[in-house]
């Protein structure tokens, strides 16, 4: 069944599944799955936006709650993923980056963090 002909409830269920898959991929740092789900997510959101809301609110309400939980999980994991990538990427690539003031810095001029107990 294509997105254009499936019911609003089925589209909402697929949206929940996709958001949960994205969250799992963020935990596993699975970039292939993240890239695959990007297209699916876009198509599902477009399909939901083009459909009229279903008459069966009782079926949709739990799906909205499920999607909200999955989306909040993705936001939290995405922020963590971004923080880790921001620190690790220059270390892994040895490339240029940006300093604390937002200006461009070259390799070897990144600051270091010292900690003491």
Protein backbone atom coordinates (compact mmCIF):
# COMPACT_ATOMS: atom_id res chain seq x y z
CA UNK A 1 0.00 0.00 0.00
CA UNK A 2 1.50 3.37 -0.93
CA UNK A 3 1.50 6.42 1.33
CA UNK A 4 -1.06 8.13 -0.90
CA UNK A 5 -3.68 5.40 -0.45
CA UNK A 6 -3.07 4.11 3.06
CA UNK A 7 -5.17 5.28 5.96
CA UNK A 8 -4.15 8.01 8.35
CA UNK A 9 -3.83 5.45 11.16
CA UNK A 10 -1.51 3.22 9.10
CA UNK A 11 0.62 6.25 8.16
CA UNK A 12 0.79 7.28 11.82
CA UNK A 13 1.85 3.75 12.82
CA UNK A 14 4.59 3.80 10.19
CA UNK A 15 5.71 7.21 11.47
CA UNK A 16 6.05 5.81 15.00
CA UNK A 17 8.03 2.81 13.71
CA UNK A 18 10.33 5.11 11.72
CA UNK A 19 10.97 7.44 14.66
CA UNK A 20 11.76 4.46 16.90
CA UNK A 21 14.13 3.11 14.24
CA UNK A 22 15.89 6.50 14.09
CA UNK A 23 16.28 6.47 17.88
CA UNK A 24 17.75 2.98 17.78
CA UNK A 25 20.15 4.06 15.01
CA UNK A 26 21.28 7.04 17.10
CA UNK A 27 22.03 4.71 20.02
CA UNK A 28 23.98 2.33 17.75
CA UNK A 29 25.61 5.19 15.80
CA UNK A 30 24.30 3.53 12.64
CA UNK A 31 24.69 6.16 9.93
CA UNK A 32 23.39 3.88 7.17
CA UNK A 33 20.06 3.46 8.95
CA UNK A 34 19.88 7.18 9.69
CA UNK A 35 20.32 7.95 6.00
CA UNK A 36 17.75 5.31 4.98
CA UNK A 37 15.12 6.56 7.41
CA UNK A 38 15.55 10.20 6.35
CA UNK A 39 13.75 9.59 3.06
CA UNK A 40 11.07 7.44 4.68
CA UNK A 41 10.44 10.08 7.34
CA UNK A 42 10.07 12.80 4.72
CA UNK A 43 7.61 10.76 2.66
CA UNK A 44 5.53 9.84 5.70
CA UNK A 45 5.32 13.43 6.93
CA UNK A 46 4.26 14.58 3.46
CA UNK A 47 1.64 11.83 3.29
CA UNK A 48 0.24 12.70 6.72
CA UNK A 49 0.12 16.41 5.88
CA UNK A 50 -1.83 15.71 2.68
CA UNK A 51 -4.42 13.42 4.30
CA UNK A 52 -7.50 14.55 6.11
CA UNK A 53 -7.58 13.67 9.78
CA UNK A 54 -9.27 10.42 10.49
CA UNK A 55 -12.67 10.19 12.10
CA UNK A 56 -11.28 7.50 14.43
CA UNK A 57 -9.67 9.68 17.12
CA UNK A 58 -9.52 6.75 19.53
CA UNK A 59 -7.09 4.96 17.20
CA UNK A 60 -4.96 8.03 16.53
CA UNK A 61 -4.51 9.37 20.08
CA UNK A 62 -2.26 6.53 21.35
CA UNK A 63 -0.20 6.82 18.16
CA UNK A 64 0.28 10.54 18.75
CA UNK A 65 1.54 9.81 22.28
CA UNK A 66 3.84 7.05 20.94
CA UNK A 67 5.22 9.35 18.23
CA UNK A 68 5.79 12.12 20.78
CA UNK A 69 7.80 9.81 23.05
CA UNK A 70 9.83 8.53 20.08
CA UNK A 71 10.47 12.08 18.83
CA UNK A 72 11.62 13.29 22.26
CA UNK A 73 13.97 10.29 22.44
CA UNK A 74 15.37 11.18 19.01
CA UNK A 75 15.88 14.81 20.03
CA UNK A 76 17.74 13.83 23.19
CA UNK A 77 19.88 11.23 21.46
CA UNK A 78 20.49 13.55 18.52
CA UNK A 79 21.79 16.27 20.83
CA UNK A 80 24.12 13.76 22.50
CA UNK A 81 25.23 12.43 19.11
CA UNK A 82 25.95 15.99 17.95
CA UNK A 83 27.97 16.77 21.09
CA UNK A 84 30.10 13.65 20.71
CA UNK A 85 30.61 14.22 16.98
CA UNK A 86 31.64 17.84 17.57
CA UNK A 87 34.44 16.70 19.88
CA UNK A 88 35.51 13.53 18.07
CA UNK A 89 35.38 14.62 14.44
CA UNK A 90 38.45 16.88 14.57
CA UNK A 91 40.32 14.22 16.53
CA UNK A 92 39.46 11.51 14.00
CA UNK A 93 40.01 13.54 10.85
CA UNK A 94 42.83 15.79 11.98
CA UNK A 95 41.20 18.49 9.90
CA UNK A 96 40.51 22.13 10.41
CA UNK A 97 37.70 23.24 12.65
CA UNK A 98 36.23 26.09 14.61
CA UNK A 99 37.42 27.54 17.88
CA UNK A 100 35.42 28.62 20.93
CA UNK A 101 34.80 32.03 19.37
CA UNK A 102 33.44 30.47 16.17
CA UNK A 103 36.47 31.42 14.12
CA UNK A 104 38.28 29.03 11.81
CA UNK A 105 41.32 27.28 13.32
CA UNK A 106 43.82 24.94 11.71
CA UNK A 107 45.07 21.57 12.92
CA UNK A 108 47.13 21.78 16.07
CA UNK A 109 45.53 24.97 17.39
CA UNK A 110 42.53 23.37 19.04
CA UNK A 111 42.42 23.96 22.77
CA UNK A 112 42.90 21.21 25.28
CA UNK A 113 40.97 20.56 28.44
CA UNK A 114 42.80 19.84 31.65
CA UNK A 115 41.04 18.43 34.65
CA UNK A 116 42.23 17.93 38.19
CA UNK A 117 40.64 16.18 41.11
